[in-house]
Amino acid sequence: MGSYIFSAEEVESNSDFFCNRKLHGALVATGKSCQLLWAKFEPGGTYGLHSHPHEQMSVMISGRMRLTVGDEVRDIGPGDMWFAPANVEHGGEILGDQPVVFIDVYAPPADWIAKWIEDEPKATGP
């Protein structure tokens, strides 16, 4: 690992764009017990309902989203946080015309994320 400190600009400039979801994503760092991911959804994008065998903790940086975790649904914005236990369905609807940016921490590290980023169709922009 070359650096342990990452600016938001560095992370965004190194993100990949997945055209089918209007999603920019960057796998920022992977440690022994957790993994850090940066995600930016463009307006009109989807954070589809899904589940995985890893715990996920997230912090909303910007934008607004109607978030579902299990049976709970809330409209969230900057500074709001959520926890998705392992195997609990979660996802959201992007609200408004501003991009949604959030930071995820997965524990334990999720091997499928790097593969998913590699396998997704990519484009240069929305």
N, C-alpha and C. Protein backbone atom coordinates (compact mmCIF):
# COMPACT_ATOMS: atom_id res chain seq x y z
N MET A 1 0.86 -1.18 0.00
CA MET A 1 0.00 0.00 0.00
C MET A 1 0.90 1.23 0.00
N GLY A 2 0.68 2.14 -0.93
CA GLY A 2 1.52 3.32 -1.04
C GLY A 2 1.16 4.42 -0.06
N SER A 3 -0.12 4.56 0.27
CA SER A 3 -0.56 5.65 1.14
C SER A 3 -1.65 5.14 2.08
N TYR A 4 -1.74 5.76 3.24
CA TYR A 4 -2.79 5.42 4.20
C TYR A 4 -3.79 6.56 4.36
N ILE A 5 -3.56 7.68 3.68
CA ILE A 5 -4.44 8.84 3.76
C ILE A 5 -4.88 9.18 2.34
N PHE A 6 -6.19 9.40 2.15
CA PHE A 6 -6.74 9.60 0.82
C PHE A 6 -7.64 10.84 0.81
N SER A 7 -7.40 11.76 -0.10
CA SER A 7 -8.29 12.91 -0.23
C SER A 7 -9.52 12.50 -1.04
N ALA A 8 -10.62 13.20 -0.85
CA ALA A 8 -11.83 12.91 -1.61
C ALA A 8 -11.58 13.06 -3.10
N GLU A 9 -10.79 14.05 -3.49
CA GLU A 9 -10.49 14.28 -4.90
C GLU A 9 -9.71 13.10 -5.49
N GLU A 10 -8.73 12.58 -4.74
CA GLU A 10 -7.96 11.42 -5.22
C GLU A 10 -8.86 10.21 -5.41
N VAL A 11 -9.72 9.97 -4.45
CA VAL A 11 -10.59 8.81 -4.53
C VAL A 11 -11.52 8.93 -5.72
N GLU A 12 -12.16 10.10 -5.88
CA GLU A 12 -13.09 10.26 -7.00
C GLU A 12 -12.38 10.16 -8.34
N SER A 13 -11.19 10.74 -8.46
CA SER A 13 -10.48 10.70 -9.74
C SER A 13 -10.02 9.29 -10.09
N ASN A 14 -9.91 8.41 -9.10
CA ASN A 14 -9.50 7.03 -9.35
C ASN A 14 -10.68 6.06 -9.38
N SER A 15 -11.90 6.58 -9.37
CA SER A 15 -13.07 5.70 -9.37
C SER A 15 -13.37 5.25 -10.80
N ASP A 16 -14.05 4.12 -10.90
CA ASP A 16 -14.54 3.63 -12.18
C ASP A 16 -16.00 4.01 -12.30
N PHE A 17 -16.49 4.12 -13.54
CA PHE A 17 -17.89 4.47 -13.77
C PHE A 17 -18.61 3.27 -14.35
N PHE A 18 -19.69 2.87 -13.71
CA PHE A 18 -20.46 1.72 -14.18
C PHE A 18 -21.74 2.26 -14.82
N CYS A 19 -21.80 2.19 -16.15
CA CYS A 19 -22.85 2.88 -16.89
C CYS A 19 -24.24 2.34 -16.61
N ASN A 20 -24.38 1.05 -16.31
CA ASN A 20 -25.73 0.52 -16.16
C ASN A 20 -26.38 0.92 -14.85
N ARG A 21 -25.65 1.45 -13.90
CA ARG A 21 -26.23 1.87 -12.62
C ARG A 21 -26.00 3.35 -12.34
N LYS A 22 -25.35 4.05 -13.26
CA LYS A 22 -24.96 5.45 -13.04
C LYS A 22 -24.19 5.55 -11.73
N LEU A 23 -23.21 4.67 -11.58
CA LEU A 23 -22.44 4.56 -10.34
C LEU A 23 -20.96 4.72 -10.60
N HIS A 24 -20.32 5.58 -9.81
CA HIS A 24 -18.86 5.63 -9.73
C HIS A 24 -18.50 4.91 -8.44
N GLY A 25 -17.52 4.02 -8.48
CA GLY A 25 -17.12 3.33 -7.27
C GLY A 25 -15.62 3.19 -7.18
N ALA A 26 -15.08 3.30 -5.99
CA ALA A 26 -13.65 3.12 -5.77
C ALA A 26 -13.44 2.26 -4.54
N LEU A 27 -12.69 1.20 -4.72
CA LEU A 27 -12.26 0.38 -3.60
C LEU A 27 -11.02 1.06 -3.03
N VAL A 28 -11.19 1.78 -1.92
CA VAL A 28 -10.15 2.66 -1.39
C VAL A 28 -9.05 1.88 -0.69
N ALA A 29 -9.42 0.96 0.20
CA ALA A 29 -8.42 0.22 0.96
C ALA A 29 -9.02 -1.08 1.47
N THR A 30 -8.18 -2.10 1.56
CA THR A 30 -8.58 -3.38 2.13
C THR A 30 -7.57 -3.76 3.20
N GLY A 31 -8.06 -3.96 4.42
CA GLY A 31 -7.21 -4.39 5.53
C GLY A 31 -7.47 -5.85 5.86
N LYS A 32 -6.94 -6.30 6.98
CA LYS A 32 -7.13 -7.69 7.39
C LYS A 32 -8.56 -7.96 7.83
N SER A 33 -9.22 -6.97 8.44
CA SER A 33 -10.54 -7.22 9.01
C SER A 33 -11.66 -6.37 8.42
N CYS A 34 -11.33 -5.39 7.56
CA CYS A 34 -12.37 -4.56 6.97
C CYS A 34 -11.91 -3.98 5.64
N GLN A 35 -12.86 -3.33 4.96
CA GLN A 35 -12.62 -2.79 3.63
C GLN A 35 -13.37 -1.47 3.49
N LEU A 36 -12.75 -0.50 2.82
CA LEU A 36 -13.32 0.83 2.65
C LEU A 36 -13.67 1.06 1.19
N LEU A 37 -14.92 1.44 0.93
CA LEU A 37 -15.41 1.68 -0.43
C LEU A 37 -16.04 3.06 -0.50
N TRP A 38 -15.80 3.78 -1.60
CA TRP A 38 -16.41 5.08 -1.88
C TRP A 38 -17.38 4.88 -3.03
N ALA A 39 -18.60 5.41 -2.92
CA ALA A 39 -19.61 5.25 -3.97
C ALA A 39 -20.29 6.57 -4.27
N LYS A 40 -20.50 6.83 -5.56
CA LYS A 40 -21.22 8.02 -6.00
C LYS A 40 -22.25 7.58 -7.04
N PHE A 41 -23.52 7.83 -6.73
CA PHE A 41 -24.61 7.51 -7.64
C PHE A 41 -25.11 8.80 -8.28
N GLU A 42 -25.15 8.82 -9.60
CA GLU A 42 -25.67 9.98 -10.32
C GLU A 42 -27.19 10.02 -10.20
N PRO A 43 -27.80 11.21 -10.34
CA PRO A 43 -29.26 11.28 -10.34
C PRO A 43 -29.83 10.30 -11.36
N GLY A 44 -30.88 9.62 -10.99
CA GLY A 44 -31.47 8.62 -11.87
C GLY A 44 -30.83 7.26 -11.72
N GLY A 45 -29.77 7.16 -10.94
CA GLY A 45 -29.11 5.88 -10.71
C GLY A 45 -29.89 5.03 -9.71
N THR A 46 -29.45 3.80 -9.54
CA THR A 46 -30.11 2.92 -8.59
C THR A 46 -29.10 2.27 -7.66
N TYR A 47 -29.51 2.15 -6.42
CA TYR A 47 -28.78 1.39 -5.41
C TYR A 47 -29.73 0.25 -5.07
N GLY A 48 -29.80 -0.71 -5.99
CA GLY A 48 -30.81 -1.76 -5.92
C GLY A 48 -30.76 -2.58 -4.65
N LEU A 49 -31.93 -3.09 -4.26
CA LEU A 49 -32.01 -3.94 -3.07
C LEU A 49 -31.14 -5.18 -3.27
N HIS A 50 -30.34 -5.49 -2.27
CA HIS A 50 -29.42 -6.62 -2.34
C HIS A 50 -29.02 -7.01 -0.92
N SER A 51 -28.37 -8.14 -0.79
CA SER A 51 -27.80 -8.55 0.50
C SER A 51 -26.48 -9.26 0.22
N HIS A 52 -25.66 -9.38 1.24
CA HIS A 52 -24.37 -10.05 1.12
C HIS A 52 -23.96 -10.57 2.49
N PRO A 53 -22.99 -11.48 2.53
CA PRO A 53 -22.62 -12.10 3.80
C PRO A 53 -21.70 -11.25 4.68
N HIS A 54 -21.53 -9.99 4.33
CA HIS A 54 -20.65 -9.09 5.08
C HIS A 54 -21.48 -8.01 5.76
N GLU A 55 -21.05 -7.58 6.95
CA GLU A 55 -21.67 -6.42 7.58
C GLU A 55 -21.24 -5.18 6.82
N GLN A 56 -22.14 -4.20 6.72
CA GLN A 56 -21.84 -2.95 6.02
C GLN A 56 -22.25 -1.78 6.89
N MET A 57 -21.33 -0.85 7.09
CA MET A 57 -21.61 0.40 7.80
C MET A 57 -21.34 1.53 6.82
N SER A 58 -22.25 2.51 6.74
CA SER A 58 -22.13 3.54 5.73
C SER A 58 -22.42 4.92 6.30
N VAL A 59 -21.81 5.93 5.69
CA VAL A 59 -22.03 7.33 6.05
C VAL A 59 -22.36 8.08 4.77
N MET A 60 -23.49 8.79 4.77
CA MET A 60 -23.90 9.61 3.62
C MET A 60 -23.10 10.90 3.65
N ILE A 61 -22.45 11.22 2.55
CA ILE A 61 -21.66 12.44 2.44
C ILE A 61 -22.45 13.56 1.79
N SER A 62 -23.17 13.24 0.71
CA SER A 62 -23.96 14.27 0.02
C SER A 62 -25.13 13.62 -0.71
N GLY A 63 -26.11 14.45 -1.06
CA GLY A 63 -27.29 13.98 -1.77
C GLY A 63 -28.36 13.48 -0.81
N ARG A 64 -29.44 12.94 -1.40
CA ARG A 64 -30.56 12.42 -0.62
C ARG A 64 -30.97 11.09 -1.21
N MET A 65 -31.40 10.19 -0.34
CA MET A 65 -31.78 8.85 -0.78
C MET A 65 -32.87 8.31 0.14
N ARG A 66 -33.81 7.57 -0.46
CA ARG A 66 -34.79 6.82 0.34
C ARG A 66 -34.18 5.44 0.55
N LEU A 67 -33.73 5.18 1.76
CA LEU A 67 -32.96 3.97 2.08
C LEU A 67 -33.84 2.93 2.74
N THR A 68 -33.66 1.68 2.33
CA THR A 68 -34.32 0.54 2.96
C THR A 68 -33.24 -0.37 3.54
N VAL A 69 -33.37 -0.71 4.81
CA VAL A 69 -32.53 -1.73 5.45
C VAL A 69 -33.49 -2.66 6.18
N GLY A 70 -33.60 -3.90 5.71
CA GLY A 70 -34.59 -4.81 6.27
C GLY A 70 -35.99 -4.26 6.05
N ASP A 71 -36.75 -4.10 7.12
CA ASP A 71 -38.12 -3.57 7.04
C ASP A 71 -38.18 -2.07 7.27
N GLU A 72 -37.06 -1.43 7.55
CA GLU A 72 -37.03 0.00 7.86
C GLU A 72 -36.75 0.82 6.60
N VAL A 73 -37.54 1.88 6.41
CA VAL A 73 -37.37 2.78 5.26
C VAL A 73 -37.31 4.21 5.79
N ARG A 74 -36.27 4.96 5.36
CA ARG A 74 -36.14 6.37 5.76
C ARG A 74 -35.53 7.17 4.63
N ASP A 75 -35.90 8.45 4.57
CA ASP A 75 -35.22 9.40 3.70
C ASP A 75 -34.02 9.92 4.46
N ILE A 76 -32.83 9.84 3.84
CA ILE A 76 -31.60 10.25 4.52
C ILE A 76 -30.83 11.26 3.69
N GLY A 77 -29.92 11.97 4.36
CA GLY A 77 -29.10 12.98 3.70
C GLY A 77 -27.73 13.06 4.33
N PRO A 78 -26.99 14.11 4.00
CA PRO A 78 -25.61 14.25 4.48
C PRO A 78 -25.49 14.10 6.00
N GLY A 79 -24.51 13.29 6.41
CA GLY A 79 -24.25 13.06 7.83
C GLY A 79 -24.99 11.87 8.40
N ASP A 80 -26.04 11.39 7.71
CA ASP A 80 -26.77 10.23 8.21
C ASP A 80 -25.95 8.96 7.98
N MET A 81 -26.20 7.98 8.83
CA MET A 81 -25.44 6.73 8.80
C MET A 81 -26.39 5.55 8.84
N TRP A 82 -25.91 4.39 8.36
CA TRP A 82 -26.71 3.18 8.46
C TRP A 82 -25.82 1.96 8.62
N PHE A 83 -26.46 0.90 9.14
CA PHE A 83 -25.80 -0.38 9.34
C PHE A 83 -26.66 -1.45 8.69
N ALA A 84 -26.06 -2.25 7.82
CA ALA A 84 -26.75 -3.39 7.21
C ALA A 84 -26.07 -4.66 7.73
N PRO A 85 -26.76 -5.39 8.62
CA PRO A 85 -26.18 -6.64 9.10
C PRO A 85 -25.98 -7.63 7.95
N ALA A 86 -25.14 -8.61 8.16
CA ALA A 86 -24.92 -9.64 7.14
C ALA A 86 -26.25 -10.27 6.73
N ASN A 87 -26.41 -10.45 5.42
CA ASN A 87 -27.56 -11.14 4.81
C ASN A 87 -28.88 -10.41 4.99
N VAL A 88 -28.87 -9.13 5.35
CA VAL A 88 -30.09 -8.33 5.43
C VAL A 88 -30.20 -7.48 4.17
N GLU A 89 -31.36 -7.56 3.51
CA GLU A 89 -31.56 -6.83 2.26
C GLU A 89 -31.54 -5.32 2.52
N HIS A 90 -30.86 -4.59 1.62
CA HIS A 90 -30.77 -3.14 1.74
C HIS A 90 -30.56 -2.53 0.36
N GLY A 91 -30.91 -1.26 0.22
CA GLY A 91 -30.76 -0.54 -1.04
C GLY A 91 -31.51 0.77 -0.95
N GLY A 92 -31.51 1.53 -2.04
CA GLY A 92 -32.17 2.82 -1.95
C GLY A 92 -32.51 3.42 -3.29
N GLU A 93 -33.35 4.44 -3.21
CA GLU A 93 -33.77 5.22 -4.37
C GLU A 93 -33.13 6.60 -4.26
N ILE A 94 -32.41 7.01 -5.30
CA ILE A 94 -31.78 8.32 -5.32
C ILE A 94 -32.89 9.37 -5.45
N LEU A 95 -32.88 10.37 -4.58
CA LEU A 95 -33.91 11.42 -4.58
C LEU A 95 -33.32 12.72 -5.11
N GLY A 96 -34.09 13.46 -5.88
CA GLY A 96 -33.65 14.77 -6.35
C GLY A 96 -32.68 14.71 -7.51
N ASP A 97 -32.08 15.87 -7.78
CA ASP A 97 -31.20 15.99 -8.95
C ASP A 97 -29.73 16.15 -8.58
N GLN A 98 -29.38 15.80 -7.35
CA GLN A 98 -27.99 15.86 -6.90
C GLN A 98 -27.42 14.45 -6.78
N PRO A 99 -26.13 14.27 -7.09
CA PRO A 99 -25.51 12.95 -6.88
C PRO A 99 -25.53 12.57 -5.40
N VAL A 100 -25.57 11.29 -5.15
CA VAL A 100 -25.48 10.74 -3.80
C VAL A 100 -24.08 10.16 -3.63
N VAL A 101 -23.39 10.56 -2.57
CA VAL A 101 -22.06 10.02 -2.26
C VAL A 101 -22.11 9.44 -0.86
N PHE A 102 -21.61 8.21 -0.72
CA PHE A 102 -21.47 7.64 0.61
C PHE A 102 -20.22 6.78 0.70
N ILE A 103 -19.80 6.57 1.93
CA ILE A 103 -18.63 5.76 2.26
C ILE A 103 -19.13 4.49 2.93
N ASP A 104 -18.63 3.34 2.48
CA ASP A 104 -18.98 2.05 3.06
C ASP A 104 -17.77 1.43 3.73
N VAL A 105 -18.00 0.75 4.83
CA VAL A 105 -17.00 -0.12 5.44
C VAL A 105 -17.62 -1.51 5.52
N TYR A 106 -16.93 -2.49 4.94
CA TYR A 106 -17.37 -3.88 4.96
C TYR A 106 -16.48 -4.67 5.92
N ALA A 107 -17.12 -5.55 6.70
CA ALA A 107 -16.35 -6.42 7.59
C ALA A 107 -17.00 -7.80 7.58
N PRO A 108 -16.24 -8.84 7.36
CA PRO A 108 -14.84 -8.82 6.92
C PRO A 108 -14.74 -8.30 5.49
N PRO A 109 -13.53 -8.12 4.95
CA PRO A 109 -13.39 -7.66 3.58
C PRO A 109 -14.20 -8.54 2.62
N ALA A 110 -14.79 -7.91 1.63
CA ALA A 110 -15.66 -8.60 0.67
C ALA A 110 -14.90 -8.86 -0.63
N ASP A 111 -14.48 -10.11 -0.85
CA ASP A 111 -13.75 -10.46 -2.06
C ASP A 111 -14.53 -10.14 -3.33
N TRP A 112 -15.86 -10.25 -3.27
CA TRP A 112 -16.68 -10.06 -4.46
C TRP A 112 -16.69 -8.63 -4.95
N ILE A 113 -16.37 -7.64 -4.10
CA ILE A 113 -16.43 -6.24 -4.54
C ILE A 113 -15.40 -5.97 -5.63
N ALA A 114 -14.15 -6.37 -5.44
CA ALA A 114 -13.13 -6.14 -6.46
C ALA A 114 -13.51 -6.84 -7.76
N LYS A 115 -14.03 -8.06 -7.68
CA LYS A 115 -14.44 -8.78 -8.88
C LYS A 115 -15.62 -8.08 -9.54
N TRP A 116 -16.58 -7.61 -8.76
CA TRP A 116 -17.74 -6.91 -9.30
C TRP A 116 -17.30 -5.66 -10.04
N ILE A 117 -16.37 -4.89 -9.46
CA ILE A 117 -15.87 -3.68 -10.11
C ILE A 117 -15.20 -4.03 -11.43
N GLU A 118 -14.41 -5.10 -11.45
CA GLU A 118 -13.73 -5.52 -12.68
C GLU A 118 -14.70 -5.99 -13.75
N ASP A 119 -15.77 -6.68 -13.36
CA ASP A 119 -16.69 -7.31 -14.31
C ASP A 119 -17.77 -6.39 -14.83
N GLU A 120 -18.08 -5.29 -14.14
CA GLU A 120 -19.16 -4.40 -14.57
C GLU A 120 -18.80 -3.69 -15.87
N PRO A 121 -19.79 -3.49 -16.75
CA PRO A 121 -19.54 -2.68 -17.94
C PRO A 121 -19.17 -1.26 -17.53
N LYS A 122 -18.16 -0.69 -18.18
CA LYS A 122 -17.68 0.64 -17.80
C LYS A 122 -17.90 1.64 -18.94
N ALA A 123 -18.00 2.88 -18.57
CA ALA A 123 -18.11 3.97 -19.54
C ALA A 123 -17.29 5.13 -19.00
N THR A 124 -17.17 6.19 -19.78
CA THR A 124 -16.37 7.33 -19.33
C THR A 124 -17.20 8.38 -18.62
N GLY A 125 -18.48 8.25 -18.59
CA GLY A 125 -19.31 9.25 -17.91
C GLY A 125 -20.77 8.90 -18.02
N PRO A 126 -21.64 9.69 -17.36
CA PRO A 126 -23.07 9.39 -17.35
C PRO A 126 -23.70 9.54 -18.71
